[in-house]
Amino acid sequence: SIDGPHETVLAAQLIDSLPSVRWEVTNQALVHEWFLEAHAQVVPPLR
C-alpha cells in the first residue's frame, strides 16, 4: 500500500531505539523497482 520509499523513516526509528546497530530496512513489495533502478533488470513484483 506504500508508493514511495518508507524504509528511511523506519530505519530512523530503529536507529533512535538502538543507535549502535546498522539497520537495513527493505519493503519487499518494492524490490522489483530497485532491481530496475539499480540493475536495469525487470523482475516480477513479489507477492
ModelCIF file with pLDDT and N, C-alpha, C, O atoms, coordinates in Angstrom:
data_MODEL
#
_entry.id   MODEL 
#
_entity.id                         1 
_entity.type                       polymer 
_entity.pdbx_number_of_molecules   1 
#
_entity_poly.entity_id                      1 
_entity_poly.type                           'polypeptide(L)' 
_entity_poly.nstd_linkage                   no 
_entity_poly.nstd_monomer                   no 
_entity_poly.pdbx_seq_one_letter_code       SIDGPHETVLAAQLIDSLPSVRWEVTNQALVHEWFLEAHAQVVPPLR 
_entity_poly.pdbx_seq_one_letter_code_can   SIDGPHETVLAAQLIDSLPSVRWEVTNQALVHEWFLEAHAQVVPPLR 
_entity_poly.pdbx_strand_id                 A 
#
loop_
_entity_poly_seq.entity_id 
_entity_poly_seq.num 
_entity_poly_seq.mon_id 
_entity_poly_seq.hetero 
1 1  SER n 
1 2  ILE n 
1 3  ASP n 
1 4  GLY n 
1 5  PRO n 
1 6  HIS n 
1 7  GLU n 
1 8  THR n 
1 9  VAL n 
1 10 LEU n 
1 11 ALA n 
1 12 ALA n 
1 13 GLN n 
1 14 LEU n 
1 15 ILE n 
1 16 ASP n 
1 17 SER n 
1 18 LEU n 
1 19 PRO n 
1 20 SER n 
1 21 VAL n 
1 22 ARG n 
1 23 TRP n 
1 24 GLU n 
1 25 VAL n 
1 26 THR n 
1 27 ASN n 
1 28 GLN n 
1 29 ALA n 
1 30 LEU n 
1 31 VAL n 
1 32 HIS n 
1 33 GLU n 
1 34 TRP n 
1 35 PHE n 
1 36 LEU n 
1 37 GLU n 
1 38 ALA n 
1 39 HIS n 
1 40 ALA n 
1 41 GLN n 
1 42 VAL n 
1 43 VAL n 
1 44 PRO n 
1 45 PRO n 
1 46 LEU n 
1 47 ARG n 
#
_struct_asym.id          A 
_struct_asym.entity_id   1 
#
loop_
_ma_qa_metric.id 
_ma_qa_metric.mode 
_ma_qa_metric.name 
_ma_qa_metric.software_group_id 
_ma_qa_metric.type 
1 global pLDDT . pLDDT 
2 local  pLDDT . pLDDT 
#
_ma_qa_metric_global.metric_id      1 
_ma_qa_metric_global.metric_value   83.74 
_ma_qa_metric_global.model_id       1 
_ma_qa_metric_global.ordinal_id     1 
#
loop_
_ma_qa_metric_local.label_asym_id 
_ma_qa_metric_local.label_comp_id 
_ma_qa_metric_local.label_seq_id 
_ma_qa_metric_local.metric_id 
_ma_qa_metric_local.metric_value 
_ma_qa_metric_local.model_id 
_ma_qa_metric_local.ordinal_id 
A SER 1  2 85.00 1 1  
A ILE 2  2 77.00 1 2  
A ASP 3  2 67.00 1 3  
A GLY 4  2 61.00 1 4  
A PRO 5  2 64.00 1 5  
A HIS 6  2 85.00 1 6  
A GLU 7  2 88.00 1 7  
A THR 8  2 90.00 1 8  
A VAL 9  2 92.00 1 9  
A LEU 10 2 95.00 1 10 
A ALA 11 2 95.00 1 11 
A ALA 12 2 95.00 1 12 
A GLN 13 2 96.00 1 13 
A LEU 14 2 97.00 1 14 
A ILE 15 2 97.00 1 15 
A ASP 16 2 96.00 1 16 
A SER 17 2 95.00 1 17 
A LEU 18 2 96.00 1 18 
A PRO 19 2 96.00 1 19 
A SER 20 2 95.00 1 20 
A VAL 21 2 96.00 1 21 
A ARG 22 2 96.00 1 22 
A TRP 23 2 97.00 1 23 
A GLU 24 2 94.00 1 24 
A VAL 25 2 94.00 1 25 
A THR 26 2 91.00 1 26 
A ASN 27 2 91.00 1 27 
A GLN 28 2 90.00 1 28 
A ALA 29 2 86.00 1 29 
A LEU 30 2 84.00 1 30 
A VAL 31 2 83.00 1 31 
A HIS 32 2 74.00 1 32 
A GLU 33 2 76.00 1 33 
A TRP 34 2 67.00 1 34 
A PHE 35 2 70.00 1 35 
A LEU 36 2 58.00 1 36 
A GLU 37 2 68.00 1 37 
A ALA 38 2 65.00 1 38 
A HIS 39 2 66.00 1 39 
A ALA 40 2 71.00 1 40 
A GLN 41 2 71.00 1 41 
A VAL 42 2 70.00 1 42 
A VAL 43 2 76.00 1 43 
A PRO 44 2 83.00 1 44 
A PRO 45 2 82.00 1 45 
A LEU 46 2 84.00 1 46 
A ARG 47 2 91.00 1 47 
#
loop_
_atom_site.group_PDB 
_atom_site.id 
_atom_site.type_symbol 
_atom_site.label_atom_id 
_atom_site.label_alt_id 
_atom_site.label_comp_id 
_atom_site.label_asym_id 
_atom_site.label_entity_id 
_atom_site.label_seq_id 
_atom_site.pdbx_PDB_ins_code 
_atom_site.Cartn_x 
_atom_site.Cartn_y 
_atom_site.Cartn_z 
_atom_site.occupancy 
_atom_site.B_iso_or_equiv 
_atom_site.pdbx_formal_charge 
_atom_site.auth_seq_id 
_atom_site.auth_comp_id 
_atom_site.auth_asym_id 
_atom_site.auth_atom_id 
_atom_site.pdbx_PDB_model_num 
ATOM 1   N N  . SER A 1 1  ? 0.815  -1.218  0.000   1.00 85.00 ? 1  SER A N  1 
ATOM 2   C CA . SER A 1 1  ? 0.000  0.000   0.000   1.00 85.00 ? 1  SER A CA 1 
ATOM 3   C C  . SER A 1 1  ? 0.848  1.268   0.000   1.00 85.00 ? 1  SER A C  1 
ATOM 4   O O  . SER A 1 1  ? 0.322  2.375   -0.117  1.00 85.00 ? 1  SER A O  1 
ATOM 5   N N  . ILE A 1 2  ? 2.164  1.099   0.132   1.00 77.00 ? 2  ILE A N  1 
ATOM 6   C CA . ILE A 1 2  ? 3.076  2.251   0.178   1.00 77.00 ? 2  ILE A CA 1 
ATOM 7   C C  . ILE A 1 2  ? 3.655  2.471   -1.205  1.00 77.00 ? 2  ILE A C  1 
ATOM 8   O O  . ILE A 1 2  ? 4.216  1.554   -1.805  1.00 77.00 ? 2  ILE A O  1 
ATOM 9   N N  . ASP A 1 3  ? 3.517  3.702   -1.715  1.00 67.00 ? 3  ASP A N  1 
ATOM 10  C CA . ASP A 1 3  ? 4.004  4.013   -3.057  1.00 67.00 ? 3  ASP A CA 1 
ATOM 11  C C  . ASP A 1 3  ? 5.479  4.405   -3.092  1.00 67.00 ? 3  ASP A C  1 
ATOM 12  O O  . ASP A 1 3  ? 6.184  4.083   -4.049  1.00 67.00 ? 3  ASP A O  1 
ATOM 13  N N  . GLY A 1 4  ? 5.939  5.083   -2.080  1.00 61.00 ? 4  GLY A N  1 
ATOM 14  C CA . GLY A 1 4  ? 7.307  5.588   -2.100  1.00 61.00 ? 4  GLY A CA 1 
ATOM 15  C C  . GLY A 1 4  ? 8.182  4.899   -1.084  1.00 61.00 ? 4  GLY A C  1 
ATOM 16  O O  . GLY A 1 4  ? 7.709  4.066   -0.311  1.00 61.00 ? 4  GLY A O  1 
ATOM 17  N N  . PRO A 1 5  ? 9.443  5.235   -1.079  1.00 64.00 ? 5  PRO A N  1 
ATOM 18  C CA . PRO A 1 5  ? 10.369 4.609   -0.130  1.00 64.00 ? 5  PRO A CA 1 
ATOM 19  C C  . PRO A 1 5  ? 10.096 5.073   1.306   1.00 64.00 ? 5  PRO A C  1 
ATOM 20  O O  . PRO A 1 5  ? 10.334 6.228   1.657   1.00 64.00 ? 5  PRO A O  1 
ATOM 21  N N  . HIS A 1 6  ? 9.606  4.171   2.100   1.00 85.00 ? 6  HIS A N  1 
ATOM 22  C CA . HIS A 1 6  ? 9.294  4.419   3.504   1.00 85.00 ? 6  HIS A CA 1 
ATOM 23  C C  . HIS A 1 6  ? 10.412 3.875   4.405   1.00 85.00 ? 6  HIS A C  1 
ATOM 24  O O  . HIS A 1 6  ? 10.425 4.099   5.615   1.00 85.00 ? 6  HIS A O  1 
ATOM 25  N N  . GLU A 1 7  ? 11.346 3.155   3.776   1.00 88.00 ? 7  GLU A N  1 
ATOM 26  C CA . GLU A 1 7  ? 12.400 2.486   4.531   1.00 88.00 ? 7  GLU A CA 1 
ATOM 27  C C  . GLU A 1 7  ? 13.253 3.446   5.360   1.00 88.00 ? 7  GLU A C  1 
ATOM 28  O O  . GLU A 1 7  ? 13.667 3.111   6.470   1.00 88.00 ? 7  GLU A O  1 
ATOM 29  N N  . THR A 1 8  ? 13.514 4.636   4.823   1.00 90.00 ? 8  THR A N  1 
ATOM 30  C CA . THR A 1 8  ? 14.355 5.606   5.517   1.00 90.00 ? 8  THR A CA 1 
ATOM 31  C C  . THR A 1 8  ? 13.717 6.042   6.831   1.00 90.00 ? 8  THR A C  1 
ATOM 32  O O  . THR A 1 8  ? 14.403 6.175   7.844   1.00 90.00 ? 8  THR A O  1 
ATOM 33  N N  . VAL A 1 9  ? 12.425 6.260   6.815   1.00 92.00 ? 9  VAL A N  1 
ATOM 34  C CA . VAL A 1 9  ? 11.695 6.665   8.023   1.00 92.00 ? 9  VAL A CA 1 
ATOM 35  C C  . VAL A 1 9  ? 11.760 5.544   9.063   1.00 92.00 ? 9  VAL A C  1 
ATOM 36  O O  . VAL A 1 9  ? 12.016 5.795   10.240  1.00 92.00 ? 9  VAL A O  1 
ATOM 37  N N  . LEU A 1 10 ? 11.529 4.319   8.623   1.00 95.00 ? 10 LEU A N  1 
ATOM 38  C CA . LEU A 1 10 ? 11.560 3.180   9.540   1.00 95.00 ? 10 LEU A CA 1 
ATOM 39  C C  . LEU A 1 10 ? 12.964 2.956   10.098  1.00 95.00 ? 10 LEU A C  1 
ATOM 40  O O  . LEU A 1 10 ? 13.127 2.682   11.287  1.00 95.00 ? 10 LEU A O  1 
ATOM 41  N N  . ALA A 1 11 ? 13.967 3.071   9.247   1.00 95.00 ? 11 ALA A N  1 
ATOM 42  C CA . ALA A 1 11 ? 15.352 2.909   9.708   1.00 95.00 ? 11 ALA A CA 1 
ATOM 43  C C  . ALA A 1 11 ? 15.703 3.968   10.746  1.00 95.00 ? 11 ALA A C  1 
ATOM 44  O O  . ALA A 1 11 ? 16.390 3.672   11.723  1.00 95.00 ? 11 ALA A O  1 
ATOM 45  N N  . ALA A 1 12 ? 15.242 5.190   10.545  1.00 95.00 ? 12 ALA A N  1 
ATOM 46  C CA . ALA A 1 12 ? 15.493 6.263   11.520  1.00 95.00 ? 12 ALA A CA 1 
ATOM 47  C C  . ALA A 1 12 ? 14.869 5.933   12.868  1.00 95.00 ? 12 ALA A C  1 
ATOM 48  O O  . ALA A 1 12 ? 15.463 6.205   13.911  1.00 95.00 ? 12 ALA A O  1 
ATOM 49  N N  . GLN A 1 13 ? 13.686 5.352   12.854  1.00 96.00 ? 13 GLN A N  1 
ATOM 50  C CA . GLN A 1 13 ? 13.040 4.951   14.111  1.00 96.00 ? 13 GLN A CA 1 
ATOM 51  C C  . GLN A 1 13 ? 13.853 3.874   14.818  1.00 96.00 ? 13 GLN A C  1 
ATOM 52  O O  . GLN A 1 13 ? 14.002 3.898   16.040  1.00 96.00 ? 13 GLN A O  1 
ATOM 53  N N  . LEU A 1 14 ? 14.375 2.935   14.044  1.00 97.00 ? 14 LEU A N  1 
ATOM 54  C CA . LEU A 1 14 ? 15.193 1.876   14.635  1.00 97.00 ? 14 LEU A CA 1 
ATOM 55  C C  . LEU A 1 14 ? 16.509 2.427   15.180  1.00 97.00 ? 14 LEU A C  1 
ATOM 56  O O  . LEU A 1 14 ? 16.974 2.010   16.240  1.00 97.00 ? 14 LEU A O  1 
ATOM 57  N N  . ILE A 1 15 ? 17.096 3.355   14.453  1.00 97.00 ? 15 ILE A N  1 
ATOM 58  C CA . ILE A 1 15 ? 18.343 3.979   14.914  1.00 97.00 ? 15 ILE A CA 1 
ATOM 59  C C  . ILE A 1 15 ? 18.107 4.738   16.213  1.00 97.00 ? 15 ILE A C  1 
ATOM 60  O O  . ILE A 1 15 ? 18.965 4.743   17.096  1.00 97.00 ? 15 ILE A O  1 
ATOM 61  N N  . ASP A 1 16 ? 16.950 5.379   16.332  1.00 96.00 ? 16 ASP A N  1 
ATOM 62  C CA . ASP A 1 16 ? 16.611 6.060   17.583  1.00 96.00 ? 16 ASP A CA 1 
ATOM 63  C C  . ASP A 1 16 ? 16.575 5.088   18.760  1.00 96.00 ? 16 ASP A C  1 
ATOM 64  O O  . ASP A 1 16 ? 17.009 5.430   19.860  1.00 96.00 ? 16 ASP A O  1 
ATOM 65  N N  . SER A 1 17 ? 16.060 3.878   18.532  1.00 95.00 ? 17 SER A N  1 
ATOM 66  C CA . SER A 1 17 ? 15.953 2.924   19.636  1.00 95.00 ? 17 SER A CA 1 
ATOM 67  C C  . SER A 1 17 ? 17.260 2.177   19.902  1.00 95.00 ? 17 SER A C  1 
ATOM 68  O O  . SER A 1 17 ? 17.581 1.889   21.056  1.00 95.00 ? 17 SER A O  1 
ATOM 69  N N  . LEU A 1 18 ? 18.013 1.861   18.854  1.00 96.00 ? 18 LEU A N  1 
ATOM 70  C CA . LEU A 1 18 ? 19.302 1.171   19.004  1.00 96.00 ? 18 LEU A CA 1 
ATOM 71  C C  . LEU A 1 18 ? 20.319 1.787   18.047  1.00 96.00 ? 18 LEU A C  1 
ATOM 72  O O  . LEU A 1 18 ? 20.556 1.252   16.964  1.00 96.00 ? 18 LEU A O  1 
ATOM 73  N N  . PRO A 1 19 ? 20.922 2.916   18.445  1.00 96.00 ? 19 PRO A N  1 
ATOM 74  C CA . PRO A 1 19 ? 21.797 3.657   17.530  1.00 96.00 ? 19 PRO A CA 1 
ATOM 75  C C  . PRO A 1 19 ? 23.097 2.952   17.154  1.00 96.00 ? 19 PRO A C  1 
ATOM 76  O O  . PRO A 1 19 ? 23.722 3.327   16.162  1.00 96.00 ? 19 PRO A O  1 
ATOM 77  N N  . SER A 1 20 ? 23.518 1.959   17.900  1.00 95.00 ? 20 SER A N  1 
ATOM 78  C CA . SER A 1 20 ? 24.784 1.289   17.580  1.00 95.00 ? 20 SER A CA 1 
ATOM 79  C C  . SER A 1 20 ? 24.634 0.242   16.478  1.00 95.00 ? 20 SER A C  1 
ATOM 80  O O  . SER A 1 20 ? 25.626 -0.338  16.038  1.00 95.00 ? 20 SER A O  1 
ATOM 81  N N  . VAL A 1 21 ? 23.413 -0.001  16.032  1.00 96.00 ? 21 VAL A N  1 
ATOM 82  C CA . VAL A 1 21 ? 23.148 -1.035  15.028  1.00 96.00 ? 21 VAL A CA 1 
ATOM 83  C C  . VAL A 1 21 ? 23.049 -0.402  13.649  1.00 96.00 ? 21 VAL A C  1 
ATOM 84  O O  . VAL A 1 21 ? 22.455 0.662   13.480  1.00 96.00 ? 21 VAL A O  1 
ATOM 85  N N  . ARG A 1 22 ? 23.639 -1.069  12.669  1.00 96.00 ? 22 ARG A N  1 
ATOM 86  C CA . ARG A 1 22 ? 23.474 -0.635  11.268  1.00 96.00 ? 22 ARG A CA 1 
ATOM 87  C C  . ARG A 1 22 ? 22.257 -1.369  10.704  1.00 96.00 ? 22 ARG A C  1 
ATOM 88  O O  . ARG A 1 22 ? 22.338 -2.547  10.354  1.00 96.00 ? 22 ARG A O  1 
ATOM 89  N N  . TRP A 1 23 ? 21.151 -0.673  10.623  1.00 97.00 ? 23 TRP A N  1 
ATOM 90  C CA . TRP A 1 23 ? 19.885 -1.238  10.182  1.00 97.00 ? 23 TRP A CA 1 
ATOM 91  C C  . TRP A 1 23 ? 19.744 -1.134  8.668   1.00 97.00 ? 23 TRP A C  1 
ATOM 92  O O  . TRP A 1 23 ? 20.080 -0.107  8.077   1.00 97.00 ? 23 TRP A O  1 
ATOM 93  N N  . GLU A 1 24 ? 19.256 -2.181  8.051   1.00 94.00 ? 24 GLU A N  1 
ATOM 94  C CA . GLU A 1 24 ? 18.874 -2.181  6.646   1.00 94.00 ? 24 GLU A CA 1 
ATOM 95  C C  . GLU A 1 24 ? 17.395 -2.541  6.609   1.00 94.00 ? 24 GLU A C  1 
ATOM 96  O O  . GLU A 1 24 ? 17.011 -3.633  7.027   1.00 94.00 ? 24 GLU A O  1 
ATOM 97  N N  . VAL A 1 25 ? 16.570 -1.638  6.117   1.00 94.00 ? 25 VAL A N  1 
ATOM 98  C CA . VAL A 1 25 ? 15.128 -1.862  6.082   1.00 94.00 ? 25 VAL A CA 1 
ATOM 99  C C  . VAL A 1 25 ? 14.679 -1.898  4.625   1.00 94.00 ? 25 VAL A C  1 
ATOM 100 O O  . VAL A 1 25 ? 14.979 -0.988  3.852   1.00 94.00 ? 25 VAL A O  1 
ATOM 101 N N  . THR A 1 26 ? 13.955 -2.959  4.253   1.00 91.00 ? 26 THR A N  1 
ATOM 102 C CA . THR A 1 26 ? 13.542 -3.133  2.865   1.00 91.00 ? 26 THR A CA 1 
ATOM 103 C C  . THR A 1 26 ? 12.101 -3.601  2.781   1.00 91.00 ? 26 THR A C  1 
ATOM 104 O O  . THR A 1 26 ? 11.707 -4.579  3.417   1.00 91.00 ? 26 THR A O  1 
ATOM 105 N N  . ASN A 1 27 ? 11.324 -2.885  1.983   1.00 91.00 ? 27 ASN A N  1 
ATOM 106 C CA . ASN A 1 27 ? 9.955  -3.293  1.682   1.00 91.00 ? 27 ASN A CA 1 
ATOM 107 C C  . ASN A 1 27 ? 10.003 -4.238  0.483   1.00 91.00 ? 27 ASN A C  1 
ATOM 108 O O  . ASN A 1 27 ? 10.313 -3.820  -0.633  1.00 91.00 ? 27 ASN A O  1 
ATOM 109 N N  . GLN A 1 28 ? 9.698  -5.492  0.715   1.00 90.00 ? 28 GLN A N  1 
ATOM 110 C CA . GLN A 1 28 ? 9.756  -6.497  -0.348  1.00 90.00 ? 28 GLN A CA 1 
ATOM 111 C C  . GLN A 1 28 ? 8.770  -6.202  -1.478  1.00 90.00 ? 28 GLN A C  1 
ATOM 112 O O  . GLN A 1 28 ? 8.956  -6.676  -2.599  1.00 90.00 ? 28 GLN A O  1 
ATOM 113 N N  . ALA A 1 29 ? 7.732  -5.429  -1.195  1.00 86.00 ? 29 ALA A N  1 
ATOM 114 C CA . ALA A 1 29 ? 6.753  -5.077  -2.239  1.00 86.00 ? 29 ALA A CA 1 
ATOM 115 C C  . ALA A 1 29 ? 7.348  -4.146  -3.286  1.00 86.00 ? 29 ALA A C  1 
ATOM 116 O O  . ALA A 1 29 ? 6.784  -3.990  -4.369  1.00 86.00 ? 29 ALA A O  1 
ATOM 117 N N  . LEU A 1 30 ? 8.500  -3.518  -2.971  1.00 84.00 ? 30 LEU A N  1 
ATOM 118 C CA . LEU A 1 30 ? 9.123  -2.574  -3.902  1.00 84.00 ? 30 LEU A CA 1 
ATOM 119 C C  . LEU A 1 30 ? 10.452 -3.064  -4.475  1.00 84.00 ? 30 LEU A C  1 
ATOM 120 O O  . LEU A 1 30 ? 11.117 -2.321  -5.198  1.00 84.00 ? 30 LEU A O  1 
ATOM 121 N N  . VAL A 1 31 ? 10.842 -4.274  -4.172  1.00 83.00 ? 31 VAL A N  1 
ATOM 122 C CA . VAL A 1 31 ? 12.137 -4.793  -4.620  1.00 83.00 ? 31 VAL A CA 1 
ATOM 123 C C  . VAL A 1 31 ? 12.245 -4.794  -6.140  1.00 83.00 ? 31 VAL A C  1 
ATOM 124 O O  . VAL A 1 31 ? 13.322 -4.543  -6.681  1.00 83.00 ? 31 VAL A O  1 
ATOM 125 N N  . HIS A 1 32 ? 11.160 -5.069  -6.828  1.00 74.00 ? 32 HIS A N  1 
ATOM 126 C CA . HIS A 1 32 ? 11.208 -5.081  -8.303  1.00 74.00 ? 32 HIS A CA 1 
ATOM 127 C C  . HIS A 1 32 ? 11.589 -3.703  -8.852  1.00 74.00 ? 32 HIS A C  1 
ATOM 128 O O  . HIS A 1 32 ? 12.243 -3.615  -9.891  1.00 74.00 ? 32 HIS A O  1 
ATOM 129 N N  . GLU A 1 33 ? 11.184 -2.622  -8.162  1.00 76.00 ? 33 GLU A N  1 
ATOM 130 C CA . GLU A 1 33 ? 11.580 -1.269  -8.582  1.00 76.00 ? 33 GLU A CA 1 
ATOM 131 C C  . GLU A 1 33 ? 13.070 -1.051  -8.372  1.00 76.00 ? 33 GLU A C  1 
ATOM 132 O O  . GLU A 1 33 ? 13.728 -0.412  -9.193  1.00 76.00 ? 33 GLU A O  1 
ATOM 133 N N  . TRP A 1 34 ? 13.606 -1.577  -7.274  1.00 67.00 ? 34 TRP A N  1 
ATOM 134 C CA . TRP A 1 34 ? 15.038 -1.457  -7.001  1.00 67.00 ? 34 TRP A CA 1 
ATOM 135 C C  . TRP A 1 34 ? 15.844 -2.196  -8.069  1.00 67.00 ? 34 TRP A C  1 
ATOM 136 O O  . TRP A 1 34 ? 16.853 -1.681  -8.551  1.00 67.00 ? 34 TRP A O  1 
ATOM 137 N N  . PHE A 1 35 ? 15.404 -3.401  -8.440  1.00 70.00 ? 35 PHE A N  1 
ATOM 138 C CA . PHE A 1 35 ? 16.107 -4.149  -9.484  1.00 70.00 ? 35 PHE A CA 1 
ATOM 139 C C  . PHE A 1 35 ? 16.156 -3.363  -10.786 1.00 70.00 ? 35 PHE A C  1 
ATOM 140 O O  . PHE A 1 35 ? 17.177 -3.360  -11.474 1.00 70.00 ? 35 PHE A O  1 
ATOM 141 N N  . LEU A 1 36 ? 15.066 -2.703  -11.121 1.00 58.00 ? 36 LEU A N  1 
ATOM 142 C CA . LEU A 1 36 ? 15.019 -1.916  -12.345 1.00 58.00 ? 36 LEU A CA 1 
ATOM 143 C C  . LEU A 1 36 ? 15.963 -0.724  -12.258 1.00 58.00 ? 36 LEU A C  1 
ATOM 144 O O  . LEU A 1 36 ? 16.710 -0.454  -13.198 1.00 58.00 ? 36 LEU A O  1 
ATOM 145 N N  . GLU A 1 37 ? 15.933 -0.009  -11.136 1.00 68.00 ? 37 GLU A N  1 
ATOM 146 C CA . GLU A 1 37 ? 16.804 1.168   -10.957 1.00 68.00 ? 37 GLU A CA 1 
ATOM 147 C C  . GLU A 1 37 ? 18.273 0.798   -10.852 1.00 68.00 ? 37 GLU A C  1 
ATOM 148 O O  . GLU A 1 37 ? 19.114 1.379   -11.537 1.00 68.00 ? 37 GLU A O  1 
ATOM 149 N N  . ALA A 1 38 ? 18.580 -0.151  -10.012 1.00 65.00 ? 38 ALA A N  1 
ATOM 150 C CA . ALA A 1 38 ? 19.973 -0.484  -9.706  1.00 65.00 ? 38 ALA A CA 1 
ATOM 151 C C  . ALA A 1 38 ? 20.642 -1.350  -10.767 1.00 65.00 ? 38 ALA A C  1 
ATOM 152 O O  . ALA A 1 38 ? 21.842 -1.225  -11.010 1.00 65.00 ? 38 ALA A O  1 
ATOM 153 N N  . HIS A 1 39 ? 19.867 -2.227  -11.398 1.00 66.00 ? 39 HIS A N  1 
ATOM 154 C CA . HIS A 1 39 ? 20.474 -3.199  -12.310 1.00 66.00 ? 39 HIS A CA 1 
ATOM 155 C C  . HIS A 1 39 ? 19.868 -3.191  -13.710 1.00 66.00 ? 39 HIS A C  1 
ATOM 156 O O  . HIS A 1 39 ? 20.256 -3.996  -14.557 1.00 66.00 ? 39 HIS A O  1 
ATOM 157 N N  . ALA A 1 40 ? 18.922 -2.288  -13.959 1.00 71.00 ? 40 ALA A N  1 
ATOM 158 C CA . ALA A 1 40 ? 18.200 -2.254  -15.231 1.00 71.00 ? 40 ALA A CA 1 
ATOM 159 C C  . ALA A 1 40 ? 17.643 -3.635  -15.573 1.00 71.00 ? 40 ALA A C  1 
ATOM 160 O O  . ALA A 1 40 ? 17.616 -4.044  -16.734 1.00 71.00 ? 40 ALA A O  1 
ATOM 161 N N  . GLN A 1 41 ? 17.204 -4.336  -14.542 1.00 71.00 ? 41 GLN A N  1 
ATOM 162 C CA . GLN A 1 41 ? 16.694 -5.690  -14.684 1.00 71.00 ? 41 GLN A CA 1 
ATOM 163 C C  . GLN A 1 41 ? 15.206 -5.703  -14.330 1.00 71.00 ? 41 GLN A C  1 
ATOM 164 O O  . GLN A 1 41 ? 14.808 -5.241  -13.260 1.00 71.00 ? 41 GLN A O  1 
ATOM 165 N N  . VAL A 1 42 ? 14.403 -6.230  -15.225 1.00 70.00 ? 42 VAL A N  1 
ATOM 166 C CA . VAL A 1 42 ? 12.971 -6.341  -14.975 1.00 70.00 ? 42 VAL A CA 1 
ATOM 167 C C  . VAL A 1 42 ? 12.693 -7.686  -14.302 1.00 70.00 ? 42 VAL A C  1 
ATOM 168 O O  . VAL A 1 42 ? 12.977 -8.746  -14.861 1.00 70.00 ? 42 VAL A O  1 
ATOM 169 N N  . VAL A 1 43 ? 12.136 -7.624  -13.096 1.00 76.00 ? 43 VAL A N  1 
ATOM 170 C CA . VAL A 1 43 ? 11.746 -8.830  -12.367 1.00 76.00 ? 43 VAL A CA 1 
ATOM 171 C C  . VAL A 1 43 ? 10.298 -8.654  -11.926 1.00 76.00 ? 43 VAL A C  1 
ATOM 172 O O  . VAL A 1 43 ? 9.847  -7.528  -11.714 1.00 76.00 ? 43 VAL A O  1 
ATOM 173 N N  . PRO A 1 44 ? 9.575  -9.746  -11.787 1.00 83.00 ? 44 PRO A N  1 
ATOM 174 C CA . PRO A 1 44 ? 8.179  -9.613  -11.362 1.00 83.00 ? 44 PRO A CA 1 
ATOM 175 C C  . PRO A 1 44 ? 8.091  -9.141  -9.909  1.00 83.00 ? 44 PRO A C  1 
ATOM 176 O O  . PRO A 1 44 ? 8.962  -9.461  -9.100  1.00 83.00 ? 44 PRO A O  1 
ATOM 177 N N  . PRO A 1 45 ? 7.051  -8.389  -9.579  1.00 82.00 ? 45 PRO A N  1 
ATOM 178 C CA . PRO A 1 45 ? 6.859  -7.974  -8.188  1.00 82.00 ? 45 PRO A CA 1 
ATOM 179 C C  . PRO A 1 45 ? 6.675  -9.192  -7.277  1.00 82.00 ? 45 PRO A C  1 
ATOM 180 O O  . PRO A 1 45 ? 6.130  -10.218 -7.682  1.00 82.00 ? 45 PRO A O  1 
ATOM 181 N N  . LEU A 1 46 ? 7.138  -9.047  -6.061  1.00 84.00 ? 46 LEU A N  1 
ATOM 182 C CA . LEU A 1 46 ? 6.957  -10.103 -5.075  1.00 84.00 ? 46 LEU A CA 1 
ATOM 183 C C  . LEU A 1 46 ? 5.540  -10.013 -4.509  1.00 84.00 ? 46 LEU A C  1 
ATOM 184 O O  . LEU A 1 46 ? 4.962  -8.928  -4.443  1.00 84.00 ? 46 LEU A O  1 
ATOM 185 N N  . ARG A 1 47 ? 4.989  -11.142 -4.106  1.00 91.00 ? 47 ARG A N  1 
ATOM 186 C CA . ARG A 1 47 ? 3.601  -11.185 -3.645  1.00 91.00 ? 47 ARG A CA 1 
ATOM 187 C C  . ARG A 1 47 ? 3.439  -11.183 -2.132  1.00 91.00 ? 47 ARG A C  1 
ATOM 188 O O  . ARG A 1 47 ? 2.315  -11.218 -1.632  1.00 91.00 ? 47 ARG A O  1 
#
